[in-house]
Each structure stands twice: as C-alpha cells, then as structure tokens.
Amino acid sequence: MTERAYKLATSQLLREIDEQKLEQESQTAYRLIAGEYYNRRHMTCRAFDFLDQRILYAYQQRYGLVKGGEQYLEVGGGAATLLRRVLPADSSLVVGDLCTEMFQHSRALPRNMAYEHFSAFNLPHTDNHFDGVFAFLTDSYNVPRFYKEAWRVLRGGGILLMTCPTRLWAKTLREGDGDSLYYARFTMLEGRTVLIPSITWSKEDYLQLLVCAGFSILVYEEFCLPSEYPSSRIPETIRVPAKRLGIAVSHMPLVTALLAQK
C-alpha cells in the first residue's frame, strides 16, 4: 500500500487524534505517575497487569511466541516483569520506554536483556531487526505510527503481540462519567488526578489499521477477569462499567489482545 493510500485509509479514524501531542502528553503524564504506577493499591493497574500476564502465558503455551536464539523488542516495557519470565537464555530482549522514570521499578536485568530510551513512534532500530515485538497496554501510543514502526523493525514472518484496554470498557466508563474517550484518569495516592492519553479501537478499526500497516491478523481476543479473581481487588473503575452494561464483572471485556504477523 502506498503512503498516500495508507493516509486515506486511516484519516477518518484519526481525525480527532494529534499523534505528536499524544506523545508529548504521554511522556509528561508517565513522568508524574511513574513513582507509584506499580503500587499495589492501584487496583485498576493491578487488574490489567494480571490479564496481561495471563495472556502472555496462554499465548506462549498456545503459539510458542518466544523461542530460543531469537531477538525480541518490548515497547513501553516499564518494569520489564513479563517477558523475562519466558525468555530463553539464548534469546535477547530490548526493553524500551519513552519515560525512563518507569525503569526505576525493575530489578537488575539478566545479561540477555537491555534497556533503551525511545519513542514508540520512532524506534531506533534497523529494518527487519527483530523476530517479535511485544507491547502490553499500548493505549498511550495505540496509533498507526506505532504499527508502521513495529512492522518496519520486524523480520519477515515476525510477530507483533499487543494488548490494550477494550473500547467497550473505556467508552462505558469514560463517557458515562462525562470524560473524553481519549484520556484515562489516574488518581494518585495523594488524591491528585492525572489525565493519560488512552486510545482504544473497535475490532473493525484494529483490523483496518493493522492490515493497512502491512500486518496479517492471526488472533483477536478480548479477556475478562476470571470469576475467581478476588473481589477485594476489583475497583470501581471496573465495577461501574459492568453495572452500567448490566453484566457481571467476570463478563466485562477489559483487555484486547492482538497477534499479528509481518
């Protein structure tokens, strides 16, 4: 697809989103919240992290995404806690983030892992470099500039695994509270609220955007918290949308997972 055709195909979906502003606002917001993002009292983050871990383990078992002797990239990796658990010793992983303050949460990295500071919109790697790109909770950079960069740095046949809050959850929570669909509220422990850019798409939008970027879609799934998830850990940000929709929390789709291939 030509650059002109790509822009025409995506312009309607992106008419309300300024990608440059998105990057600047994301960096500012995550610098503010980095110190407590992984604090266990932030139950919404904790629930989404739980589902990301569940998705990675399920997909690793089902599809064997991470193999020995290969090179991987994790975008927006933060504390780098997920992939290190499944990474073979003879594979390598680069963990990148726009906000270096997020790295403070990580333990010392093993020899086959490295941190890099970069933007998801401008990956500092050569074309056809990685066997896989992983991006968990991509909503702060969930736009075509990232998809195109992920496609560029992947080798032929390489995979992209990305997760994001579902459009249904985001729309039901935010519009029901009178908020913008494109921002998430993060309430800090001191009580201050920080608005974080948060872009979600419908299934149809994802299929259009990723195919336009050159990917083949292998899997699209939406995940809910399991019924055995502790009730004491379910925050109002999850209970309220489920109540508005008239469904149980365990039936509330929270995380979209997409597996695509170059």
C-alpha atoms as a PDB file:
ATOM      1  CA  MET A   1       0.000   0.000   0.000  1.00  0.00           C
ATOM      2  CA  THR A   2       1.334   3.444  -0.920  1.00  0.00           C
ATOM      3  CA  GLU A   3       1.834   6.146   1.707  1.00  0.00           C
ATOM      4  CA  ARG A   4      -0.992   8.170   0.168  1.00  0.00           C
ATOM      5  CA  ALA A   5      -3.405   5.229   0.223  1.00  0.00           C
ATOM      6  CA  TYR A   6      -2.428   4.464   3.816  1.00  0.00           C
ATOM      7  CA  LYS A   7      -3.152   8.013   4.929  1.00  0.00           C
ATOM      8  CA  LEU A   8      -6.518   7.993   3.187  1.00  0.00           C
ATOM      9  CA  ALA A   9      -7.446   4.676   4.784  1.00  0.00           C
ATOM     10  CA  THR A  10      -6.615   5.845   8.302  1.00  0.00           C
ATOM     11  CA  SER A  11      -7.504   9.535   8.201  1.00  0.00           C
ATOM     12  CA  GLN A  12     -11.153   9.058   9.180  1.00  0.00           C
ATOM     13  CA  LEU A  13     -10.269   7.072  12.306  1.00  0.00           C
ATOM     14  CA  LEU A  14      -7.570   9.531  13.344  1.00  0.00           C
ATOM     15  CA  ARG A  15      -9.418  12.769  12.700  1.00  0.00           C
ATOM     16  CA  GLU A  16      -9.647  13.567  16.442  1.00  0.00           C
ATOM     17  CA  ILE A  17      -6.118  12.434  17.393  1.00  0.00           C
ATOM     18  CA  ASP A  18      -2.952  14.527  17.168  1.00  0.00           C
ATOM     19  CA  GLU A  19      -0.150  11.949  17.264  1.00  0.00           C
ATOM     20  CA  GLN A  20       2.569  14.462  18.146  1.00  0.00           C
ATOM     21  CA  LYS A  21       0.509  15.855  21.017  1.00  0.00           C
ATOM     22  CA  LEU A  22      -0.236  12.278  22.116  1.00  0.00           C
ATOM     23  CA  GLU A  23       3.474  11.527  22.507  1.00  0.00           C
ATOM     24  CA  GLN A  24       4.196  14.711  24.458  1.00  0.00           C
ATOM     25  CA  GLU A  25       1.244  14.271  26.801  1.00  0.00           C
ATOM     26  CA  SER A  26       2.108  10.616  27.426  1.00  0.00           C
ATOM     27  CA  GLN A  27       5.667  11.421  28.412  1.00  0.00           C
ATOM     28  CA  THR A  28       4.537  14.193  30.771  1.00  0.00           C
ATOM     29  CA  ALA A  29       1.845  12.031  32.396  1.00  0.00           C
ATOM     30  CA  TYR A  30       4.031   8.980  32.947  1.00  0.00           C
ATOM     31  CA  ARG A  31       6.762  11.076  34.499  1.00  0.00           C
ATOM     32  CA  LEU A  32       4.199  12.223  37.057  1.00  0.00           C
ATOM     33  CA  ILE A  33       2.857   8.771  37.884  1.00  0.00           C
ATOM     34  CA  ALA A  34       5.998   6.646  37.395  1.00  0.00           C
ATOM     35  CA  GLY A  35       6.853   6.564  41.075  1.00  0.00           C
ATOM     36  CA  GLU A  36       3.629   4.801  42.021  1.00  0.00           C
ATOM     37  CA  TYR A  37       2.373   3.164  38.824  1.00  0.00           C
ATOM     38  CA  TYR A  38       3.150  -0.329  40.162  1.00  0.00           C
ATOM     39  CA  ASN A  39       1.923   0.374  43.696  1.00  0.00           C
ATOM     40  CA  ARG A  40      -0.385  -2.476  44.707  1.00  0.00           C
ATOM     41  CA  ARG A  41      -3.028  -0.007  45.897  1.00  0.00           C
ATOM     42  CA  HIS A  42      -3.714   0.992  42.280  1.00  0.00           C
ATOM     43  CA  MET A  43      -6.230  -1.789  41.710  1.00  0.00           C
ATOM     44  CA  THR A  44      -7.058  -0.905  38.094  1.00  0.00           C
ATOM     45  CA  CYS A  45      -3.413  -1.194  37.022  1.00  0.00           C
ATOM     46  CA  ARG A  46      -3.133  -4.385  39.031  1.00  0.00           C
ATOM     47  CA  ALA A  47      -6.123  -5.966  37.263  1.00  0.00           C
ATOM     48  CA  PHE A  48      -4.823  -5.070  33.810  1.00  0.00           C
ATOM     49  CA  ASP A  49      -1.343  -6.367  34.661  1.00  0.00           C
ATOM     50  CA  PHE A  50      -2.928  -9.615  35.843  1.00  0.00           C
ATOM     51  CA  LEU A  51      -4.660 -10.055  32.498  1.00  0.00           C
ATOM     52  CA  ASP A  52      -1.523  -9.174  30.526  1.00  0.00           C
ATOM     53  CA  GLN A  53       0.369 -11.889  32.369  1.00  0.00           C
ATOM     54  CA  ARG A  54      -2.466 -14.342  31.764  1.00  0.00           C
ATOM     55  CA  ILE A  55      -2.497 -13.507  28.044  1.00  0.00           C
ATOM     56  CA  LEU A  56       1.269 -13.851  27.643  1.00  0.00           C
ATOM     57  CA  TYR A  57       1.396 -17.229  29.359  1.00  0.00           C
ATOM     58  CA  ALA A  58      -1.616 -18.532  27.423  1.00  0.00           C
ATOM     59  CA  TYR A  59      -0.231 -17.379  24.077  1.00  0.00           C
ATOM     60  CA  GLN A  60       3.247 -18.665  24.860  1.00  0.00           C
ATOM     61  CA  GLN A  61       1.780 -22.093  25.584  1.00  0.00           C
ATOM     62  CA  ARG A  62      -0.579 -21.982  22.612  1.00  0.00           C
ATOM     63  CA  TYR A  63       1.618 -20.433  19.931  1.00  0.00           C
ATOM     64  CA  GLY A  64       5.205 -20.661  21.231  1.00  0.00           C
ATOM     65  CA  LEU A  65       5.791 -16.964  20.639  1.00  0.00           C
ATOM     66  CA  VAL A  66       9.174 -16.708  22.408  1.00  0.00           C
ATOM     67  CA  LYS A  67      11.784 -19.141  21.119  1.00  0.00           C
ATOM     68  CA  GLY A  68      15.450 -19.773  21.684  1.00  0.00           C
ATOM     69  CA  GLY A  69      18.094 -17.959  19.666  1.00  0.00           C
ATOM     70  CA  GLU A  70      15.877 -15.044  18.615  1.00  0.00           C
ATOM     71  CA  GLN A  71      15.774 -11.278  19.162  1.00  0.00           C
ATOM     72  CA  TYR A  72      12.793  -9.506  20.702  1.00  0.00           C
ATOM     73  CA  LEU A  73      11.674  -5.968  21.428  1.00  0.00           C
ATOM     74  CA  GLU A  74       9.267  -4.851  24.149  1.00  0.00           C
ATOM     75  CA  VAL A  75       7.836  -1.364  23.635  1.00  0.00           C
ATOM     76  CA  GLY A  76       6.638   0.584  26.675  1.00  0.00           C
ATOM     77  CA  GLY A  77       8.177  -2.101  28.854  1.00  0.00           C
ATOM     78  CA  GLY A  78       8.346  -0.196  32.148  1.00  0.00           C
ATOM     79  CA  ALA A  79       9.461  -2.601  34.875  1.00  0.00           C
ATOM     80  CA  ALA A  80      10.092  -5.395  32.329  1.00  0.00           C
ATOM     81  CA  THR A  81       8.475  -8.026  34.531  1.00  0.00           C
ATOM     82  CA  LEU A  82       6.527 -10.079  31.975  1.00  0.00           C
ATOM     83  CA  LEU A  83       8.781 -11.284  29.187  1.00  0.00           C
ATOM     84  CA  ARG A  84      11.775 -12.004  31.404  1.00  0.00           C
ATOM     85  CA  ARG A  85       9.780 -14.931  32.817  1.00  0.00           C
ATOM     86  CA  VAL A  86       9.540 -16.723  29.472  1.00  0.00           C
ATOM     87  CA  LEU A  87      12.718 -15.505  27.716  1.00  0.00           C
ATOM     88  CA  PRO A  88      15.204 -18.320  26.946  1.00  0.00           C
ATOM     89  CA  ALA A  89      18.802 -17.711  27.984  1.00  0.00           C
ATOM     90  CA  ASP A  90      20.000 -17.785  24.363  1.00  0.00           C
ATOM     91  CA  SER A  91      17.493 -15.161  23.173  1.00  0.00           C
ATOM     92  CA  SER A  92      17.811 -11.396  23.630  1.00  0.00           C
ATOM     93  CA  LEU A  93      15.291  -8.742  24.615  1.00  0.00           C
ATOM     94  CA  VAL A  94      15.455  -4.977  24.289  1.00  0.00           C
ATOM     95  CA  VAL A  95      13.040  -3.192  26.646  1.00  0.00           C
ATOM     96  CA  GLY A  96      12.229   0.373  25.676  1.00  0.00           C
ATOM     97  CA  ASP A  97      10.182   3.169  27.149  1.00  0.00           C
ATOM     98  CA  LEU A  98       9.618   6.847  26.422  1.00  0.00           C
ATOM     99  CA  CYS A  99       9.673   7.585  30.152  1.00  0.00           C
ATOM    100  CA  THR A 100      12.959   6.483  31.716  1.00  0.00           C
ATOM    101  CA  GLU A 101      11.461   7.045  35.175  1.00  0.00           C
ATOM    102  CA  MET A 102       9.467   3.824  34.625  1.00  0.00           C
ATOM    103  CA  PHE A 103      12.723   1.840  34.648  1.00  0.00           C
ATOM    104  CA  GLN A 104      13.220   2.542  38.353  1.00  0.00           C
ATOM    105  CA  HIS A 105      10.871  -0.327  39.217  1.00  0.00           C
ATOM    106  CA  SER A 106      12.896  -3.027  37.510  1.00  0.00           C
ATOM    107  CA  ARG A 107      15.242  -5.418  39.171  1.00  0.00           C
ATOM    108  CA  ALA A 108      18.723  -5.856  37.698  1.00  0.00           C
ATOM    109  CA  LEU A 109      18.389  -7.189  34.174  1.00  0.00           C
ATOM    110  CA  PRO A 110      19.926 -10.501  33.119  1.00  0.00           C
ATOM    111  CA  ARG A 111      22.722 -10.396  30.549  1.00  0.00           C
ATOM    112  CA  ASN A 112      20.404 -11.093  27.616  1.00  0.00           C
ATOM    113  CA  MET A 113      18.174  -8.068  28.346  1.00  0.00           C
ATOM    114  CA  ALA A 114      18.860  -4.361  27.900  1.00  0.00           C
ATOM    115  CA  TYR A 115      17.043  -1.069  28.460  1.00  0.00           C
ATOM    116  CA  GLU A 116      16.776   1.631  25.807  1.00  0.00           C
ATOM    117  CA  HIS A 117      15.115   5.038  25.902  1.00  0.00           C
ATOM    118  CA  PHE A 118      12.988   5.620  22.805  1.00  0.00           C
ATOM    119  CA  SER A 119       9.607   6.607  21.447  1.00  0.00           C
ATOM    120  CA  ALA A 120       7.179   4.014  20.104  1.00  0.00           C
ATOM    121  CA  PHE A 121       6.679   6.390  17.180  1.00  0.00           C
ATOM    122  CA  ASN A 122      10.353   6.370  16.172  1.00  0.00           C
ATOM    123  CA  LEU A 123      12.056   3.081  17.024  1.00  0.00           C
ATOM    124  CA  PRO A 124      15.872   3.462  16.829  1.00  0.00           C
ATOM    125  CA  HIS A 125      16.430   0.086  15.197  1.00  0.00           C
ATOM    126  CA  THR A 126      17.228  -1.027  11.681  1.00  0.00           C
ATOM    127  CA  ASP A 127      14.661  -2.550   9.352  1.00  0.00           C
ATOM    128  CA  ASN A 128      13.991  -6.302   9.688  1.00  0.00           C
ATOM    129  CA  HIS A 129      15.830  -6.497  13.030  1.00  0.00           C
ATOM    130  CA  PHE A 130      13.565  -8.399  15.451  1.00  0.00           C
ATOM    131  CA  ASP A 131      11.764 -11.738  15.448  1.00  0.00           C
ATOM    132  CA  GLY A 132       8.999 -10.397  17.657  1.00  0.00           C
ATOM    133  CA  VAL A 133       7.656  -7.118  19.039  1.00  0.00           C
ATOM    134  CA  PHE A 134       5.653  -7.106  22.270  1.00  0.00           C
ATOM    135  CA  ALA A 135       3.597  -4.185  23.566  1.00  0.00           C
ATOM    136  CA  PHE A 136       1.416  -4.512  26.655  1.00  0.00           C
ATOM    137  CA  LEU A 137      -1.264  -1.916  27.395  1.00  0.00           C
ATOM    138  CA  THR A 138      -0.464   0.139  24.329  1.00  0.00           C
ATOM    139  CA  ASP A 139      -3.227   2.714  24.737  1.00  0.00           C
ATOM    140  CA  SER A 140      -0.863   5.683  25.191  1.00  0.00           C
ATOM    141  CA  TYR A 141       0.682   5.037  21.743  1.00  0.00           C
ATOM    142  CA  ASN A 142      -2.012   2.920  20.080  1.00  0.00           C
ATOM    143  CA  VAL A 143      -1.936   4.656  16.682  1.00  0.00           C
ATOM    144  CA  PRO A 144      -0.698   3.823  13.142  1.00  0.00           C
ATOM    145  CA  ARG A 145       2.715   5.438  13.632  1.00  0.00           C
ATOM    146  CA  PHE A 146       3.495   2.695  16.140  1.00  0.00           C
ATOM    147  CA  TYR A 147       2.063  -0.082  13.935  1.00  0.00           C
ATOM    148  CA  LYS A 148       4.181   1.056  10.998  1.00  0.00           C
ATOM    149  CA  GLU A 149       7.325   1.209  13.134  1.00  0.00           C
ATOM    150  CA  ALA A 150       6.649  -2.256  14.574  1.00  0.00           C
ATOM    151  CA  TRP A 151       6.184  -3.624  11.054  1.00  0.00           C
ATOM    152  CA  ARG A 152       9.403  -1.948   9.876  1.00  0.00           C
ATOM    153  CA  VAL A 153      11.678  -3.421  12.562  1.00  0.00           C
ATOM    154  CA  LEU A 154      10.208  -6.932  12.304  1.00  0.00           C
ATOM    155  CA  ARG A 155      11.765  -9.568  10.116  1.00  0.00           C
ATOM    156  CA  GLY A 156       9.576 -11.282   7.561  1.00  0.00           C
ATOM    157  CA  GLY A 157       7.289 -13.697   9.416  1.00  0.00           C
ATOM    158  CA  GLY A 158       7.920 -11.870  12.708  1.00  0.00           C
ATOM    159  CA  ILE A 159       5.048 -11.418  15.149  1.00  0.00           C
ATOM    160  CA  LEU A 160       3.502  -8.499  16.995  1.00  0.00           C
ATOM    161  CA  LEU A 161       1.669  -9.216  20.240  1.00  0.00           C
ATOM    162  CA  MET A 162      -0.091  -6.183  21.653  1.00  0.00           C
ATOM    163  CA  THR A 163      -2.718  -5.647  24.318  1.00  0.00           C
ATOM    164  CA  CYS A 164      -4.922  -2.663  25.076  1.00  0.00           C
ATOM    165  CA  PRO A 165      -7.945  -1.814  27.218  1.00  0.00           C
ATOM    166  CA  THR A 166     -11.118  -2.669  25.317  1.00  0.00           C
ATOM    167  CA  ARG A 167     -13.113   0.031  23.583  1.00  0.00           C
ATOM    168  CA  LEU A 168     -16.277  -1.196  25.367  1.00  0.00           C
ATOM    169  CA  TRP A 169     -14.769  -0.768  28.835  1.00  0.00           C
ATOM    170  CA  ALA A 170     -13.172   2.606  28.037  1.00  0.00           C
ATOM    171  CA  LYS A 171     -16.251   4.037  26.357  1.00  0.00           C
ATOM    172  CA  THR A 172     -18.665   2.838  29.044  1.00  0.00           C
ATOM    173  CA  LEU A 173     -16.525   4.189  31.884  1.00  0.00           C
ATOM    174  CA  ARG A 174     -15.372   7.481  30.388  1.00  0.00           C
ATOM    175  CA  GLU A 175     -18.428   8.668  28.521  1.00  0.00           C
ATOM    176  CA  GLY A 176     -20.617   7.575  31.418  1.00  0.00           C
ATOM    177  CA  ASP A 177     -18.571   9.879  33.660  1.00  0.00           C
ATOM    178  CA  GLY A 178     -18.646  12.708  31.115  1.00  0.00           C
ATOM    179  CA  ASP A 179     -14.943  12.305  30.276  1.00  0.00           C
ATOM    180  CA  SER A 180     -13.148  12.285  26.940  1.00  0.00           C
ATOM    181  CA  LEU A 181     -12.938   8.893  25.267  1.00  0.00           C
ATOM    182  CA  TYR A 182      -9.236   9.507  24.612  1.00  0.00           C
ATOM    183  CA  TYR A 183      -7.967  10.007  28.170  1.00  0.00           C
ATOM    184  CA  ALA A 184      -7.758   7.788  31.246  1.00  0.00           C
ATOM    185  CA  ARG A 185      -7.920   9.184  34.754  1.00  0.00           C
ATOM    186  CA  PHE A 186      -5.127   8.064  37.097  1.00  0.00           C
ATOM    187  CA  THR A 187      -5.826   9.045  40.693  1.00  0.00           C
ATOM    188  CA  MET A 188      -2.600   9.293  42.617  1.00  0.00           C
ATOM    189  CA  LEU A 189      -2.329   8.171  46.218  1.00  0.00           C
ATOM    190  CA  GLU A 190      -2.240  11.806  47.342  1.00  0.00           C
ATOM    191  CA  GLY A 191      -5.613  12.357  45.611  1.00  0.00           C
ATOM    192  CA  ARG A 192      -4.457  14.295  42.551  1.00  0.00           C
ATOM    193  CA  THR A 193      -5.825  13.185  39.160  1.00  0.00           C
ATOM    194  CA  VAL A 194      -3.538  12.853  36.134  1.00  0.00           C
ATOM    195  CA  LEU A 195      -5.012  12.526  32.652  1.00  0.00           C
ATOM    196  CA  ILE A 196      -3.158   9.993  30.499  1.00  0.00           C
ATOM    197  CA  PRO A 197      -3.709   9.636  26.729  1.00  0.00           C
ATOM    198  CA  SER A 198      -5.535   6.363  26.145  1.00  0.00           C
ATOM    199  CA  ILE A 199      -6.548   5.344  22.626  1.00  0.00           C
ATOM    200  CA  THR A 200      -8.747   2.295  22.127  1.00  0.00           C
ATOM    201  CA  TRP A 201     -10.311   0.873  18.962  1.00  0.00           C
ATOM    202  CA  SER A 202     -13.094  -1.473  17.971  1.00  0.00           C
ATOM    203  CA  LYS A 203     -12.299  -4.838  16.395  1.00  0.00           C
ATOM    204  CA  GLU A 204     -13.137  -3.468  12.954  1.00  0.00           C
ATOM    205  CA  ASP A 205     -10.846  -0.469  13.481  1.00  0.00           C
ATOM    206  CA  TYR A 206      -7.946  -2.689  14.550  1.00  0.00           C
ATOM    207  CA  LEU A 207      -8.341  -4.930  11.530  1.00  0.00           C
ATOM    208  CA  GLN A 208      -8.314  -1.935   9.206  1.00  0.00           C
ATOM    209  CA  LEU A 209      -5.400  -0.144  10.851  1.00  0.00           C
ATOM    210  CA  LEU A 210      -3.109  -3.160  11.221  1.00  0.00           C
ATOM    211  CA  VAL A 211      -3.804  -4.501   7.749  1.00  0.00           C
ATOM    212  CA  CYS A 212      -3.135  -1.027   6.352  1.00  0.00           C
ATOM    213  CA  ALA A 213       0.225  -1.099   8.167  1.00  0.00           C
ATOM    214  CA  GLY A 214       1.101  -4.357   6.380  1.00  0.00           C
ATOM    215  CA  PHE A 215       0.213  -6.974   9.014  1.00  0.00           C
ATOM    216  CA  SER A 216      -1.791 -10.165   8.745  1.00  0.00           C
ATOM    217  CA  ILE A 217      -4.089 -10.604  11.759  1.00  0.00           C
ATOM    218  CA  LEU A 218      -3.690 -14.032  13.345  1.00  0.00           C
ATOM    219  CA  VAL A 219      -5.710 -13.664  16.547  1.00  0.00           C
ATOM    220  CA  TYR A 220      -8.105 -11.121  18.031  1.00  0.00           C
ATOM    221  CA  GLU A 221      -9.472 -11.835  21.516  1.00  0.00           C
ATOM    222  CA  GLU A 222     -10.997  -9.964  24.428  1.00  0.00           C
ATOM    223  CA  PHE A 223     -10.329 -11.023  28.010  1.00  0.00           C
ATOM    224  CA  CYS A 224     -12.329 -10.609  31.227  1.00  0.00           C
ATOM    225  CA  LEU A 225     -11.262 -11.078  34.810  1.00  0.00           C
ATOM    226  CA  PRO A 226     -11.963 -14.684  35.864  1.00  0.00           C
ATOM    227  CA  SER A 227     -14.757 -15.305  38.344  1.00  0.00           C
ATOM    228  CA  GLU A 228     -12.173 -16.408  40.937  1.00  0.00           C
ATOM    229  CA  TYR A 229     -10.367 -13.046  40.814  1.00  0.00           C
ATOM    230  CA  PRO A 230     -10.512 -11.645  44.398  1.00  0.00           C
ATOM    231  CA  SER A 231     -13.493  -9.349  44.819  1.00  0.00           C
ATOM    232  CA  SER A 232     -11.479  -7.133  47.178  1.00  0.00           C
ATOM    233  CA  ARG A 233      -9.151  -6.275  44.272  1.00  0.00           C
ATOM    234  CA  ILE A 234     -11.861  -5.175  41.839  1.00  0.00           C
ATOM    235  CA  PRO A 235     -12.000  -1.353  41.731  1.00  0.00           C
ATOM    236  CA  GLU A 236     -14.973   0.850  40.946  1.00  0.00           C
ATOM    237  CA  THR A 237     -13.423   1.616  37.549  1.00  0.00           C
ATOM    238  CA  ILE A 238     -14.285  -1.967  36.621  1.00  0.00           C
ATOM    239  CA  ARG A 239     -17.431  -2.492  38.715  1.00  0.00           C
ATOM    240  CA  VAL A 240     -19.177   0.640  37.437  1.00  0.00           C
ATOM    241  CA  PRO A 241     -18.940  -0.091  33.678  1.00  0.00           C
ATOM    242  CA  ALA A 242     -20.123  -3.652  34.276  1.00  0.00           C
ATOM    243  CA  LYS A 243     -23.095  -2.327  36.261  1.00  0.00           C
ATOM    244  CA  ARG A 244     -23.928   0.206  33.537  1.00  0.00           C
ATOM    245  CA  LEU A 245     -23.972  -2.610  30.984  1.00  0.00           C
ATOM    246  CA  GLY A 246     -25.995  -4.892  33.237  1.00  0.00           C
ATOM    247  CA  ILE A 247     -23.392  -7.674  33.250  1.00  0.00           C
ATOM    248  CA  ALA A 248     -21.247  -9.431  35.819  1.00  0.00           C
ATOM    249  CA  VAL A 249     -17.696  -8.177  36.297  1.00  0.00           C
ATOM    250  CA  SER A 250     -16.469 -11.559  35.073  1.00  0.00           C
ATOM    251  CA  HIS A 251     -18.304 -10.881  31.775  1.00  0.00           C
ATOM    252  CA  MET A 252     -16.852  -7.377  31.318  1.00  0.00           C
ATOM    253  CA  PRO A 253     -14.258  -7.446  28.492  1.00  0.00           C
ATOM    254  CA  LEU A 254     -11.268  -5.480  29.806  1.00  0.00           C
ATOM    255  CA  VAL A 255      -8.282  -6.270  27.612  1.00  0.00           C
ATOM    256  CA  THR A 256      -7.989  -6.728  23.863  1.00  0.00           C
ATOM    257  CA  ALA A 257      -5.179  -8.994  22.673  1.00  0.00           C
ATOM    258  CA  LEU A 258      -3.986  -8.925  19.075  1.00  0.00           C
ATOM    259  CA  LEU A 259      -1.480 -11.264  17.478  1.00  0.00           C
ATOM    260  CA  ALA A 260      -0.325 -10.166  14.031  1.00  0.00           C
ATOM    261  CA  GLN A 261       2.398 -11.230  11.618  1.00  0.00           C
ATOM    262  CA  LYS A 262       4.574  -9.433   9.098  1.00  0.00           C
END
